[in-house]
Amino acid sequence: MSVVYVKVRTLSLHSIELPTLTSSENLVESLCSMPHLKDLSIQDTDVTEEFCTAMKAKGASIKVAILKLKGIDFPSSVSLESLAVSLCFMPNLTDLSIRSMDEIEELLSTLKDAATSIQGSFPKISEGKFSFNGKAQMDRESFLETLNDGANP
């Protein structure tokens, strides 16, 4: 019997449903167990509290470099905060795109608060290898300013 390994590099999740705690945790666990996953897109999805909590707990294990979030709906401000915190700890994240969300201003503001208060957040910024919504971020201050501009147009 031979074992086949699949090296998933790009994954697009559209309109996914996470009806149970287990399904949310399993999805996050799966994302963490894909060492070659570099490009992740999550679109048009109502994320659950459990998904965001699992992301917060495991965000540092996700290897993605490119993360696109579009049309995401959050059940609460707590879930939004959990996702924002998880983004801060993704060690390989070099390109973050957040678009077309009802709660985008709240997410950007929460992301700014998390990035400001968490030591070592967004490690690729200090290397000059980070962009947000297509705009290069040379340092932490430029990123925080970009988040502020996006949250307060």
Protein backbone atom coordinates (compact mmCIF):
# COMPACT_ATOMS: atom_id res chain seq x y z
CA MET A 1 0.00 0.00 0.00
CA SER A 2 1.44 3.36 -0.98
CA VAL A 3 0.73 6.64 0.74
CA VAL A 4 0.09 9.73 -1.36
CA TYR A 5 0.91 13.14 0.05
CA VAL A 6 -0.77 16.20 -1.36
CA LYS A 7 1.07 19.50 -1.14
CA VAL A 8 -1.73 22.06 -1.09
CA ARG A 9 -0.30 25.50 -1.84
CA THR A 10 -3.47 27.47 -2.57
CA LEU A 11 -6.87 27.02 -0.97
CA SER A 12 -10.04 29.01 -1.60
CA LEU A 13 -12.96 28.55 0.76
CA HIS A 14 -16.21 30.08 -0.53
CA SER A 15 -19.52 30.15 1.32
CA ILE A 16 -18.48 27.47 3.77
CA GLU A 17 -20.74 26.39 6.60
CA LEU A 18 -19.44 25.45 10.02
CA PRO A 19 -22.50 24.13 11.81
CA THR A 20 -20.76 22.59 14.83
CA LEU A 21 -17.92 23.25 17.22
CA THR A 22 -16.17 20.19 15.84
CA SER A 23 -16.41 21.35 12.22
CA SER A 24 -14.86 24.71 13.14
CA GLU A 25 -12.06 23.12 15.11
CA ASN A 26 -11.43 20.52 12.38
CA LEU A 27 -11.14 23.21 9.71
CA VAL A 28 -8.61 25.21 11.72
CA GLU A 29 -6.70 22.02 12.57
CA SER A 30 -6.61 21.14 8.87
CA LEU A 31 -5.30 24.58 7.94
CA CYS A 32 -2.57 24.22 10.57
CA SER A 33 -1.56 20.81 9.26
CA MET A 34 -0.89 22.01 5.69
CA PRO A 35 2.81 22.92 5.76
CA HIS A 36 2.88 23.97 2.10
CA LEU A 37 -0.25 26.16 2.21
CA LYS A 38 0.88 29.63 1.15
CA ASP A 39 -2.26 31.28 -0.20
CA LEU A 40 -5.59 31.12 1.64
CA SER A 41 -8.79 32.86 0.63
CA ILE A 42 -11.94 32.84 2.73
CA GLN A 43 -14.93 34.47 1.05
CA ASP A 44 -18.63 35.01 1.60
CA THR A 45 -18.71 33.08 4.84
CA ASP A 46 -20.48 33.56 8.15
CA VAL A 47 -17.70 32.54 10.50
CA THR A 48 -18.65 31.10 13.87
CA GLU A 49 -17.52 32.03 17.34
CA GLU A 50 -15.85 28.61 17.55
CA PHE A 51 -13.92 29.13 14.30
CA CYS A 52 -12.56 32.48 15.49
CA THR A 53 -11.68 31.08 18.91
CA ALA A 54 -9.86 28.14 17.31
CA MET A 55 -8.01 30.56 15.00
CA LYS A 56 -6.93 32.62 18.00
CA ALA A 57 -5.63 29.50 19.73
CA LYS A 58 -3.85 28.09 16.68
CA GLY A 59 -3.05 31.14 14.48
CA ALA A 60 0.68 30.86 15.11
CA SER A 61 0.65 27.39 13.51
CA ILE A 62 -0.83 28.46 10.18
CA LYS A 63 1.87 28.76 7.53
CA VAL A 64 0.07 31.00 5.00
CA ALA A 65 1.90 33.94 3.49
CA ILE A 66 -1.10 35.36 1.62
CA LEU A 67 -4.47 35.69 3.34
CA LYS A 68 -7.53 37.15 1.65
CA LEU A 69 -10.69 37.76 3.67
CA LYS A 70 -13.70 38.99 1.74
CA GLY A 71 -17.37 39.12 2.62
CA ILE A 72 -16.89 37.63 6.08
CA ASP A 73 -19.65 38.08 8.67
CA PHE A 74 -18.90 37.81 12.38
CA PRO A 75 -21.40 36.66 15.02
CA SER A 76 -20.03 39.03 17.68
CA SER A 77 -17.33 41.55 18.51
CA VAL A 78 -15.61 38.83 20.58
CA SER A 79 -15.25 36.63 17.48
CA LEU A 80 -13.95 39.60 15.51
CA GLU A 81 -11.35 40.27 18.20
CA SER A 82 -10.33 36.59 18.25
CA LEU A 83 -9.70 36.62 14.50
CA ALA A 84 -7.78 39.91 14.71
CA VAL A 85 -5.51 38.46 17.41
CA SER A 86 -4.92 35.31 15.34
CA LEU A 87 -3.74 37.42 12.40
CA CYS A 88 -1.12 39.07 14.61
CA PHE A 89 0.55 35.73 15.33
CA MET A 90 0.72 34.23 11.82
CA PRO A 91 4.49 33.92 11.42
CA ASN A 92 4.70 33.82 7.62
CA LEU A 93 1.97 36.32 6.75
CA THR A 94 3.33 38.78 4.18
CA ASP A 95 0.18 39.82 2.33
CA LEU A 96 -3.13 40.50 4.07
CA SER A 97 -6.24 41.61 2.23
CA ILE A 98 -9.49 42.49 4.00
CA ARG A 99 -12.37 43.60 1.79
CA SER A 100 -16.15 43.88 1.50
CA MET A 101 -17.29 43.27 5.06
CA ASP A 102 -20.12 44.87 6.98
CA GLU A 103 -17.89 45.05 10.06
CA ILE A 104 -14.73 46.21 8.23
CA GLU A 105 -14.28 49.39 10.28
CA GLU A 106 -14.66 47.47 13.53
CA LEU A 107 -12.27 44.76 12.31
CA LEU A 108 -9.61 47.27 11.24
CA SER A 109 -9.91 49.15 14.53
CA THR A 110 -9.68 45.89 16.49
CA LEU A 111 -6.74 44.76 14.37
CA LYS A 112 -4.97 48.06 15.08
CA ASP A 113 -5.56 47.67 18.82
CA ALA A 114 -4.24 44.10 18.73
CA ALA A 115 -1.20 45.01 16.61
CA THR A 116 -0.41 47.87 18.98
CA SER A 117 -0.69 45.87 22.18
CA ILE A 118 0.77 42.50 21.17
CA GLN A 119 4.56 42.40 21.31
CA GLY A 120 6.04 40.84 18.17
CA SER A 121 2.81 40.94 16.18
CA PHE A 122 3.06 40.72 12.38
CA PRO A 123 6.71 39.61 12.39
CA LYS A 124 7.18 40.13 8.65
CA ILE A 125 6.62 43.90 9.01
CA SER A 126 9.97 44.29 10.77
CA GLU A 127 11.61 42.56 7.80
CA GLY A 128 9.96 44.97 5.36
CA LYS A 129 8.06 42.06 3.78
CA PHE A 130 4.43 42.90 4.41
CA SER A 131 1.57 44.42 2.46
CA PHE A 132 -1.96 45.25 3.47
CA ASN A 133 -4.71 45.53 0.84
CA GLY A 134 -2.03 45.75 -1.84
CA LYS A 135 -0.03 48.52 -0.18
CA ALA A 136 3.50 47.79 1.05
CA GLN A 137 4.02 48.44 4.75
CA MET A 138 7.59 49.48 5.47
CA ASP A 139 7.28 49.44 9.25
CA ARG A 140 4.87 49.02 12.14
CA GLU A 141 3.93 52.72 12.19
CA SER A 142 2.94 52.76 8.51
CA PHE A 143 0.80 49.66 9.03
CA LEU A 144 -0.97 51.17 12.04
CA GLU A 145 -1.55 54.38 10.07
CA THR A 146 -2.97 52.39 7.13
CA LEU A 147 -5.32 50.57 9.52
CA ASN A 148 -6.34 53.88 11.06
CA ASP A 149 -7.00 55.41 7.62
CA GLY A 150 -9.10 52.40 6.65
CA ALA A 151 -11.11 52.50 9.88
CA ASN A 152 -11.64 56.28 9.67
CA PRO A 153 -12.02 57.21 5.99
